[in-house]
Amino acid sequence: MASFMKYAGLALAMTVAALPAGGSDAVAADCRAAAARVVAEVGGQLLSVRESGGECVIVVLVPGNGSERPRKVTMRVAE
């Protein structure tokens, strides 16, 4: 479990660092920070982050319990 979390954290860091700056650097930094908070809160693997209408839209793949399938969680976070 610890090695999974290590690799998941590394993947998050690489994904968030690779996000396009898009509009302004401040918006991109806010969305990066929001993505890190959401992944820490819900667990799982970051799938995507984008800015839309002044909000960060963050999609995370959360593992299922036992034999349940993983689920996608989409969160909108105000910048």
Protein backbone atom coordinates (compact mmCIF):
# COMPACT_ATOMS: atom_id res chain seq x y z
CA MET A 1 0.00 0.00 0.00
CA ALA A 2 2.83 2.39 0.85
CA SER A 3 4.50 1.88 -2.53
CA PHE A 4 1.17 2.51 -4.30
CA MET A 5 0.77 5.80 -2.42
CA LYS A 6 4.37 6.73 -3.26
CA TYR A 7 3.76 6.15 -6.96
CA ALA A 8 0.35 7.84 -6.86
CA GLY A 9 1.94 10.87 -5.21
CA LEU A 10 4.71 10.91 -7.80
CA ALA A 11 2.17 10.67 -10.62
CA LEU A 12 0.18 13.53 -9.08
CA ALA A 13 3.28 15.70 -8.80
CA MET A 14 4.27 15.00 -12.40
CA THR A 15 0.73 15.57 -13.74
CA VAL A 16 0.17 18.78 -11.81
CA ALA A 17 3.61 20.11 -12.79
CA ALA A 18 2.83 19.39 -16.45
CA LEU A 19 -0.45 21.29 -16.51
CA PRO A 20 -0.53 23.95 -19.21
CA ALA A 21 -0.39 27.48 -17.91
CA GLY A 22 -3.34 28.44 -20.13
CA GLY A 23 -4.45 31.96 -19.17
CA SER A 24 -2.48 33.47 -16.35
CA ASP A 25 0.19 31.86 -14.22
CA ALA A 26 -1.81 32.69 -11.08
CA VAL A 27 -4.83 30.74 -12.35
CA ALA A 28 -2.68 27.74 -13.26
CA ALA A 29 -1.01 27.82 -9.84
CA ASP A 30 -4.41 28.00 -8.14
CA CYS A 31 -5.67 25.00 -10.11
CA ARG A 32 -2.50 23.05 -9.33
CA ALA A 33 -2.92 23.73 -5.62
CA ALA A 34 -6.65 22.89 -5.79
CA ALA A 35 -5.89 19.61 -7.58
CA ALA A 36 -3.38 18.62 -4.92
CA ARG A 37 -5.93 19.39 -2.17
CA VAL A 38 -8.70 17.41 -3.88
CA VAL A 39 -6.49 14.36 -4.46
CA ALA A 40 -5.36 14.46 -0.83
CA GLU A 41 -8.99 14.77 0.30
CA VAL A 42 -10.62 12.02 -1.79
CA GLY A 43 -7.60 9.83 -2.51
CA GLY A 44 -7.10 8.23 -5.88
CA GLN A 45 -5.37 9.28 -9.07
CA LEU A 46 -5.59 12.66 -10.75
CA LEU A 47 -7.07 12.32 -14.25
CA SER A 48 -7.44 15.92 -15.37
CA VAL A 49 -7.50 19.55 -14.29
CA ARG A 50 -8.87 22.47 -16.27
CA GLU A 51 -10.03 26.00 -15.66
CA SER A 52 -13.60 26.81 -16.66
CA GLY A 53 -15.48 30.00 -15.92
CA GLY A 54 -13.32 31.04 -13.01
CA GLU A 55 -13.36 27.58 -11.43
CA CYS A 56 -10.96 24.65 -11.45
CA VAL A 57 -12.58 21.44 -12.68
CA ILE A 58 -10.71 18.47 -11.22
CA VAL A 59 -11.35 14.83 -12.14
CA VAL A 60 -9.98 12.07 -9.90
CA LEU A 61 -10.21 8.27 -10.29
CA VAL A 62 -11.01 6.82 -6.87
CA PRO A 63 -10.44 3.09 -6.28
CA GLY A 64 -13.49 1.02 -5.34
CA ASN A 65 -13.87 -0.92 -2.09
CA GLY A 66 -13.30 -4.65 -2.39
CA SER A 67 -14.71 -5.80 -5.71
CA GLU A 68 -16.29 -2.44 -6.59
CA ARG A 69 -15.15 -0.69 -9.74
CA PRO A 70 -13.17 2.54 -9.49
CA ARG A 71 -15.26 5.68 -9.90
CA LYS A 72 -14.59 9.09 -11.38
CA VAL A 73 -15.12 12.01 -9.04
CA THR A 74 -15.43 15.48 -10.58
CA MET A 75 -15.09 18.49 -8.31
CA ARG A 76 -15.43 22.17 -9.13
CA VAL A 77 -13.33 24.43 -6.93
CA ALA A 78 -13.56 28.21 -6.95
CA GLU A 79 -10.18 29.83 -7.55
